Every structure is written in structure tokens, then in C-alpha cells.
Amino acid sequence: MTLDQLDAFAREGALIFFVLFFVGVVLWLALGPDQRFDHDAQLPLDEEAPSHD
């Protein structure tokens, strides 16, 4: 690998990293504080659901 190839490879890798990082931050902010890392949350039970006899 020549120095020019290495430089181009590093620039491409950095670009991909920053794009993925930016997309991740945008998605994290879009989810909002209620849905972030809330593994203990339970869905509300539907008390109006018809019973199946």
C-alpha cells in the first residue's frame, strides 16, 4: 500500500465512522427519553380485551 492509498483508505473509514455516528445520535435523540435503554418497561395491559372462552 502506498501512502496515497493509505490516506484514501483512512479518509473513507473516517467518513463512514462519522456518518454512522451521526445517524446513531439522530436515532437516539429521535427515540426520546422514554424509550432509551428501558429494558424493564412493560407494555400496559389491555383491560378491555375480550376474554376467549
PDB file of N, CA and C in Angstrom:
ATOM      1  N   MET A   1       0.845  -1.193   0.000  1.00  0.00           N
ATOM      2  CA  MET A   1       0.000   0.000   0.000  1.00  0.00           C
ATOM      3  C   MET A   1       0.883   1.247   0.000  1.00  0.00           C
ATOM      4  N   THR A   2       0.611   2.122  -0.920  1.00  0.00           N
ATOM      5  CA  THR A   2       1.356   3.374  -0.930  1.00  0.00           C
ATOM      6  C   THR A   2       0.737   4.333   0.071  1.00  0.00           C
ATOM      7  N   LEU A   3       1.422   5.420   0.315  1.00  0.00           N
ATOM      8  CA  LEU A   3       0.938   6.400   1.286  1.00  0.00           C
ATOM      9  C   LEU A   3      -0.367   7.033   0.809  1.00  0.00           C
ATOM     10  N   ASP A   4      -0.504   7.223  -0.500  1.00  0.00           N
ATOM     11  CA  ASP A   4      -1.742   7.802  -1.029  1.00  0.00           C
ATOM     12  C   ASP A   4      -2.919   6.852  -0.830  1.00  0.00           C
ATOM     13  N   GLN A   5      -2.688   5.557  -1.048  1.00  0.00           N
ATOM     14  CA  GLN A   5      -3.758   4.581  -0.840  1.00  0.00           C
ATOM     15  C   GLN A   5      -4.151   4.513   0.629  1.00  0.00           C
ATOM     16  N   LEU A   6      -3.155   4.563   1.505  1.00  0.00           N
ATOM     17  CA  LEU A   6      -3.424   4.514   2.936  1.00  0.00           C
ATOM     18  C   LEU A   6      -4.208   5.746   3.371  1.00  0.00           C
ATOM     19  N   ASP A   7      -3.843   6.899   2.832  1.00  0.00           N
ATOM     20  CA  ASP A   7      -4.543   8.139   3.171  1.00  0.00           C
ATOM     21  C   ASP A   7      -5.992   8.083   2.701  1.00  0.00           C
ATOM     22  N   ALA A   8      -6.215   7.587   1.483  1.00  0.00           N
ATOM     23  CA  ALA A   8      -7.580   7.478   0.965  1.00  0.00           C
ATOM     24  C   ALA A   8      -8.391   6.481   1.789  1.00  0.00           C
ATOM     25  N   PHE A   9      -7.759   5.379   2.177  1.00  0.00           N
ATOM     26  CA  PHE A   9      -8.442   4.372   2.992  1.00  0.00           C
ATOM     27  C   PHE A   9      -8.823   4.947   4.353  1.00  0.00           C
ATOM     28  N   ALA A  10      -7.919   5.712   4.961  1.00  0.00           N
ATOM     29  CA  ALA A  10      -8.194   6.315   6.269  1.00  0.00           C
ATOM     30  C   ALA A  10      -9.306   7.352   6.168  1.00  0.00           C
ATOM     31  N   ARG A  11      -9.287   8.142   5.101  1.00  0.00           N
ATOM     32  CA  ARG A  11     -10.342   9.151   4.935  1.00  0.00           C
ATOM     33  C   ARG A  11     -11.704   8.491   4.747  1.00  0.00           C
ATOM     34  N   GLU A  12     -11.743   7.421   3.962  1.00  0.00           N
ATOM     35  CA  GLU A  12     -13.005   6.717   3.732  1.00  0.00           C
ATOM     36  C   GLU A  12     -13.511   6.080   5.023  1.00  0.00           C
ATOM     37  N   GLY A  13     -12.616   5.481   5.784  1.00  0.00           N
ATOM     38  CA  GLY A  13     -13.005   4.886   7.061  1.00  0.00           C
ATOM     39  C   GLY A  13     -13.521   5.924   8.037  1.00  0.00           C
ATOM     40  N   ALA A  14     -12.861   7.079   8.085  1.00  0.00           N
ATOM     41  CA  ALA A  14     -13.302   8.142   8.985  1.00  0.00           C
ATOM     42  C   ALA A  14     -14.662   8.681   8.552  1.00  0.00           C
ATOM     43  N   LEU A  15     -14.868   8.804   7.262  1.00  0.00           N
ATOM     44  CA  LEU A  15     -16.151   9.294   6.762  1.00  0.00           C
ATOM     45  C   LEU A  15     -17.277   8.338   7.130  1.00  0.00           C
ATOM     46  N   ILE A  16     -17.050   7.043   6.928  1.00  0.00           N
ATOM     47  CA  ILE A  16     -18.063   6.044   7.279  1.00  0.00           C
ATOM     48  C   ILE A  16     -18.342   6.075   8.773  1.00  0.00           C
ATOM     49  N   PHE A  17     -17.280   6.180   9.588  1.00  0.00           N
ATOM     50  CA  PHE A  17     -17.462   6.221  11.035  1.00  0.00           C
ATOM     51  C   PHE A  17     -18.311   7.416  11.442  1.00  0.00           C
ATOM     52  N   PHE A  18     -18.001   8.609  10.919  1.00  0.00           N
ATOM     53  CA  PHE A  18     -18.739   9.796  11.323  1.00  0.00           C
ATOM     54  C   PHE A  18     -20.179   9.770  10.834  1.00  0.00           C
ATOM     55  N   VAL A  19     -20.417   9.219   9.649  1.00  0.00           N
ATOM     56  CA  VAL A  19     -21.791   9.105   9.150  1.00  0.00           C
ATOM     57  C   VAL A  19     -22.597   8.171  10.043  1.00  0.00           C
ATOM     58  N   LEU A  20     -22.035   7.011  10.380  1.00  0.00           N
ATOM     59  CA  LEU A  20     -22.749   6.077  11.252  1.00  0.00           C
ATOM     60  C   LEU A  20     -22.951   6.665  12.642  1.00  0.00           C
ATOM     61  N   PHE A  21     -21.961   7.375  13.152  1.00  0.00           N
ATOM     62  CA  PHE A  21     -22.080   8.006  14.461  1.00  0.00           C
ATOM     63  C   PHE A  21     -23.194   9.046  14.446  1.00  0.00           C
ATOM     64  N   PHE A  22     -23.240   9.872  13.386  1.00  0.00           N
ATOM     65  CA  PHE A  22     -24.258  10.911  13.272  1.00  0.00           C
ATOM     66  C   PHE A  22     -25.651  10.299  13.176  1.00  0.00           C
ATOM     67  N   VAL A  23     -25.799   9.248  12.375  1.00  0.00           N
ATOM     68  CA  VAL A  23     -27.096   8.574  12.249  1.00  0.00           C
ATOM     69  C   VAL A  23     -27.514   7.979  13.591  1.00  0.00           C
ATOM     70  N   GLY A  24     -26.575   7.387  14.311  1.00  0.00           N
ATOM     71  CA  GLY A  24     -26.880   6.822  15.620  1.00  0.00           C
ATOM     72  C   GLY A  24     -27.341   7.873  16.608  1.00  0.00           C
ATOM     73  N   VAL A  25     -26.683   9.017  16.625  1.00  0.00           N
ATOM     74  CA  VAL A  25     -27.078  10.101  17.536  1.00  0.00           C
ATOM     75  C   VAL A  25     -28.461  10.618  17.170  1.00  0.00           C
ATOM     76  N   VAL A  26     -28.730  10.781  15.892  1.00  0.00           N
ATOM     77  CA  VAL A  26     -30.045  11.267  15.464  1.00  0.00           C
ATOM     78  C   VAL A  26     -31.139  10.281  15.868  1.00  0.00           C
ATOM     79  N   LEU A  27     -30.904   8.993  15.664  1.00  0.00           N
ATOM     80  CA  LEU A  27     -31.902   7.998  16.061  1.00  0.00           C
ATOM     81  C   LEU A  27     -32.080   7.975  17.570  1.00  0.00           C
ATOM     82  N   TRP A  28     -30.983   8.112  18.313  1.00  0.00           N
ATOM     83  CA  TRP A  28     -31.051   8.097  19.781  1.00  0.00           C
ATOM     84  C   TRP A  28     -31.867   9.285  20.278  1.00  0.00           C
ATOM     85  N   LEU A  29     -31.660  10.440  19.672  1.00  0.00           N
ATOM     86  CA  LEU A  29     -32.427  11.622  20.068  1.00  0.00           C
ATOM     87  C   LEU A  29     -33.878  11.512  19.613  1.00  0.00           C
ATOM     88  N   ALA A  30     -34.114  10.885  18.477  1.00  0.00           N
ATOM     89  CA  ALA A  30     -35.476  10.769  17.956  1.00  0.00           C
ATOM     90  C   ALA A  30     -36.329   9.836  18.805  1.00  0.00           C
ATOM     91  N   LEU A  31     -35.702   8.841  19.434  1.00  0.00           N
ATOM     92  CA  LEU A  31     -36.472   7.914  20.257  1.00  0.00           C
ATOM     93  C   LEU A  31     -37.030   8.598  21.491  1.00  0.00           C
ATOM     94  N   GLY A  32     -36.338   9.588  22.000  1.00  0.00           N
ATOM     95  CA  GLY A  32     -36.826  10.294  23.178  1.00  0.00           C
ATOM     96  C   GLY A  32     -36.425   9.604  24.465  1.00  0.00           C
ATOM     97  N   PRO A  33     -36.523  10.317  25.576  1.00  0.00           N
ATOM     98  CA  PRO A  33     -36.043   9.789  26.856  1.00  0.00           C
ATOM     99  C   PRO A  33     -36.872   8.623  27.384  1.00  0.00           C
ATOM    100  N   ASP A  34     -38.102   8.470  26.938  1.00  0.00           N
ATOM    101  CA  ASP A  34     -38.967   7.419  27.472  1.00  0.00           C
ATOM    102  C   ASP A  34     -38.589   6.043  26.946  1.00  0.00           C
ATOM    103  N   GLN A  35     -37.940   5.971  25.790  1.00  0.00           N
ATOM    104  CA  GLN A  35     -37.690   4.679  25.158  1.00  0.00           C
ATOM    105  C   GLN A  35     -36.220   4.277  25.193  1.00  0.00           C
ATOM    106  N   ARG A  36     -35.342   5.120  25.723  1.00  0.00           N
ATOM    107  CA  ARG A  36     -33.915   4.814  25.727  1.00  0.00           C
ATOM    108  C   ARG A  36     -33.562   3.831  26.825  1.00  0.00           C
ATOM    109  N   PHE A  37     -32.989   2.719  26.473  1.00  0.00           N
ATOM    110  CA  PHE A  37     -32.426   1.758  27.416  1.00  0.00           C
ATOM    111  C   PHE A  37     -33.412   1.352  28.501  1.00  0.00           C
ATOM    112  N   ASP A  38     -34.693   1.287  28.175  1.00  0.00           N
ATOM    113  CA  ASP A  38     -35.708   0.987  29.184  1.00  0.00           C
ATOM    114  C   ASP A  38     -36.107  -0.470  29.028  1.00  0.00           C
ATOM    115  N   HIS A  39     -35.221  -1.372  29.449  1.00  0.00           N
ATOM    116  CA  HIS A  39     -35.477  -2.798  29.250  1.00  0.00           C
ATOM    117  C   HIS A  39     -36.485  -3.340  30.250  1.00  0.00           C
ATOM    118  N   ASP A  40     -36.712  -2.635  31.353  1.00  0.00           N
ATOM    119  CA  ASP A  40     -37.636  -3.113  32.378  1.00  0.00           C
ATOM    120  C   ASP A  40     -39.068  -2.664  32.129  1.00  0.00           C
ATOM    121  N   ALA A  41     -39.264  -1.841  31.119  1.00  0.00           N
ATOM    122  CA  ALA A  41     -40.606  -1.325  30.858  1.00  0.00           C
ATOM    123  C   ALA A  41     -41.515  -2.453  30.384  1.00  0.00           C
ATOM    124  N   GLN A  42     -42.742  -2.396  30.825  1.00  0.00           N
ATOM    125  CA  GLN A  42     -43.723  -3.382  30.394  1.00  0.00           C
ATOM    126  C   GLN A  42     -44.822  -2.668  29.620  1.00  0.00           C
ATOM    127  N   LEU A  43     -45.355  -3.365  28.649  1.00  0.00           N
ATOM    128  CA  LEU A  43     -46.459  -2.791  27.902  1.00  0.00           C
ATOM    129  C   LEU A  43     -47.687  -2.744  28.803  1.00  0.00           C
ATOM    130  N   PRO A  44     -48.474  -1.681  28.689  1.00  0.00           N
ATOM    131  CA  PRO A  44     -49.684  -1.617  29.516  1.00  0.00           C
ATOM    132  C   PRO A  44     -50.637  -2.749  29.145  1.00  0.00           C
ATOM    133  N   LEU A  45     -51.222  -3.354  30.149  1.00  0.00           N
ATOM    134  CA  LEU A  45     -52.151  -4.453  29.897  1.00  0.00           C
ATOM    135  C   LEU A  45     -53.478  -3.885  29.400  1.00  0.00           C
ATOM    136  N   ASP A  46     -54.024  -4.536  28.402  1.00  0.00           N
ATOM    137  CA  ASP A  46     -55.301  -4.082  27.844  1.00  0.00           C
ATOM    138  C   ASP A  46     -56.426  -4.721  28.648  1.00  0.00           C
ATOM    139  N   GLU A  47     -57.007  -3.943  29.553  1.00  0.00           N
ATOM    140  CA  GLU A  47     -58.053  -4.483  30.426  1.00  0.00           C
ATOM    141  C   GLU A  47     -59.384  -4.630  29.699  1.00  0.00           C
ATOM    142  N   GLU A  48     -59.498  -3.987  28.546  1.00  0.00           N
ATOM    143  CA  GLU A  48     -60.748  -4.034  27.795  1.00  0.00           C
ATOM    144  C   GLU A  48     -60.772  -5.210  26.817  1.00  0.00           C
ATOM    145  N   ALA A  49     -59.727  -6.001  26.793  1.00  0.00           N
ATOM    146  CA  ALA A  49     -59.646  -7.092  25.824  1.00  0.00           C
ATOM    147  C   ALA A  49     -60.731  -8.129  26.095  1.00  0.00           C
ATOM    148  N   PRO A  50     -61.390  -8.586  25.048  1.00  0.00           N
ATOM    149  CA  PRO A  50     -62.433  -9.606  25.251  1.00  0.00           C
ATOM    150  C   PRO A  50     -61.808 -10.932  25.669  1.00  0.00           C
ATOM    151  N   SER A  51     -62.462 -11.625  26.560  1.00  0.00           N
ATOM    152  CA  SER A  51     -61.936 -12.913  27.009  1.00  0.00           C
ATOM    153  C   SER A  51     -62.349 -13.991  26.013  1.00  0.00           C
ATOM    154  N   HIS A  52     -61.456 -14.938  25.800  1.00  0.00           N
ATOM    155  CA  HIS A  52     -61.755 -16.047  24.895  1.00  0.00           C
ATOM    156  C   HIS A  52     -62.107 -17.257  25.737  1.00  0.00           C
ATOM    157  N   ASP A  53     -63.352 -17.672  25.677  1.00  0.00           N
ATOM    158  CA  ASP A  53     -63.803 -18.811  26.492  1.00  0.00           C
ATOM    159  C   ASP A  53     -63.521 -20.110  25.778  1.00  0.00           C
TER     160      ASP A  53
END
